[in-house]
Amino acid sequence: MPMLLNVTSYFHTNIWETCSASFNPSLLEFHRKEIGLDRILYSIDYPFVQMEDGKAFLDELEEGHVLTREEMRQFARETAIELLKLNDYIY
């Protein structure tokens, strides 16, 4: 069966990815340009990667001005809340 859309279109509508254990600002920037920051979630992959490494990555993104403050909030928090519908469970 042929695909109705090209592969990139499916990434923009059906797929989310994480930065899990790939703490590389250049790689994040590449994926951001390809699929958009709203499709990328911050994650650590503990115990394979230490929590301190994840924090250092966020610090590097902020200090290197890779992401704006609003983009940092979206990447580190808001996308997961929206995708997982976490606000639906606050009483």
Protein backbone atom coordinates (compact mmCIF):
# COMPACT_ATOMS: atom_id res chain seq x y z
CA MET A 1 0.00 0.00 0.00
CA PRO A 2 1.54 3.36 -0.95
CA MET A 3 1.92 6.06 1.67
CA LEU A 4 -0.59 8.88 1.43
CA LEU A 5 1.97 11.44 2.62
CA ASN A 6 5.74 11.73 2.54
CA VAL A 7 7.71 10.54 5.56
CA THR A 8 8.34 14.06 6.86
CA SER A 9 4.60 14.71 6.99
CA TYR A 10 4.13 11.75 9.33
CA PHE A 11 6.87 13.09 11.62
CA HIS A 12 4.95 16.36 11.88
CA THR A 13 1.68 14.66 12.85
CA ASN A 14 2.30 11.22 14.38
CA ILE A 15 5.77 11.00 15.91
CA TRP A 16 7.48 12.53 18.93
CA GLU A 17 11.08 11.89 19.90
CA THR A 18 13.28 12.43 22.91
CA CYS A 19 16.83 13.59 23.40
CA SER A 20 17.37 10.61 25.70
CA ALA A 21 21.11 10.00 26.14
CA SER A 22 21.85 12.20 23.11
CA PHE A 23 22.92 15.39 24.82
CA ASN A 24 24.33 17.14 21.78
CA PRO A 25 23.15 20.69 20.99
CA SER A 26 23.94 20.26 17.28
CA LEU A 27 21.85 17.10 17.09
CA LEU A 28 18.97 18.80 18.90
CA GLU A 29 19.19 21.73 16.49
CA PHE A 30 19.12 19.38 13.49
CA HIS A 31 16.00 17.60 14.74
CA ARG A 32 14.42 20.91 15.68
CA LYS A 33 14.82 22.11 12.09
CA GLU A 34 13.54 18.83 10.66
CA ILE A 35 10.49 18.10 12.80
CA GLY A 36 10.06 21.11 15.09
CA LEU A 37 10.74 21.63 18.77
CA ASP A 38 7.12 20.79 19.57
CA ARG A 39 7.89 17.16 18.61
CA ILE A 40 10.93 16.74 20.86
CA LEU A 41 10.77 15.91 24.56
CA TYR A 42 13.50 16.27 27.14
CA SER A 43 14.46 12.99 28.78
CA ILE A 44 17.44 11.46 30.53
CA ASP A 45 17.27 7.62 30.28
CA TYR A 46 18.38 7.02 33.85
CA PRO A 47 20.16 4.81 35.01
CA PHE A 48 22.07 4.56 31.74
CA VAL A 49 22.70 8.30 31.83
CA GLN A 50 23.12 10.20 35.07
CA MET A 51 20.74 12.96 36.15
CA GLU A 52 23.67 15.39 36.40
CA ASP A 53 24.39 14.87 32.69
CA GLY A 54 20.82 15.81 31.83
CA LYS A 55 21.03 18.95 33.96
CA ALA A 56 24.37 19.86 32.37
CA PHE A 57 22.75 19.53 28.93
CA LEU A 58 19.96 21.93 29.89
CA ASP A 59 22.54 24.35 31.27
CA GLU A 60 24.53 24.11 28.04
CA LEU A 61 21.44 24.86 25.96
CA GLU A 62 20.64 27.89 28.09
CA GLU A 63 24.17 29.26 28.41
CA GLY A 64 24.90 28.72 24.72
CA HIS A 65 21.65 30.45 23.75
CA VAL A 66 20.66 27.38 21.73
CA LEU A 67 17.06 27.81 22.91
CA THR A 68 15.23 30.87 24.17
CA ARG A 69 13.77 30.79 27.67
CA GLU A 70 10.32 30.02 26.22
CA GLU A 71 11.76 27.26 24.01
CA MET A 72 13.57 25.79 27.03
CA ARG A 73 10.29 25.69 28.92
CA GLN A 74 8.57 24.00 25.99
CA PHE A 75 11.37 21.47 25.52
CA ALA A 76 11.89 20.62 29.19
CA ARG A 77 8.26 20.68 30.30
CA GLU A 78 5.34 21.85 28.17
CA THR A 79 5.55 19.34 25.31
CA ALA A 80 5.40 16.40 27.73
CA ILE A 81 2.51 17.95 29.67
CA GLU A 82 0.56 18.46 26.46
CA LEU A 83 1.37 15.09 24.88
CA LEU A 84 0.66 13.09 28.03
CA LYS A 85 -2.34 15.27 28.92
CA LEU A 86 -1.00 15.75 32.43
CA ASN A 87 -3.12 18.85 33.05
CA ASP A 88 -6.21 16.68 32.61
CA TYR A 89 -5.37 14.92 35.88
CA ILE A 90 -4.88 17.92 38.15
CA TYR A 91 -7.70 18.12 40.68
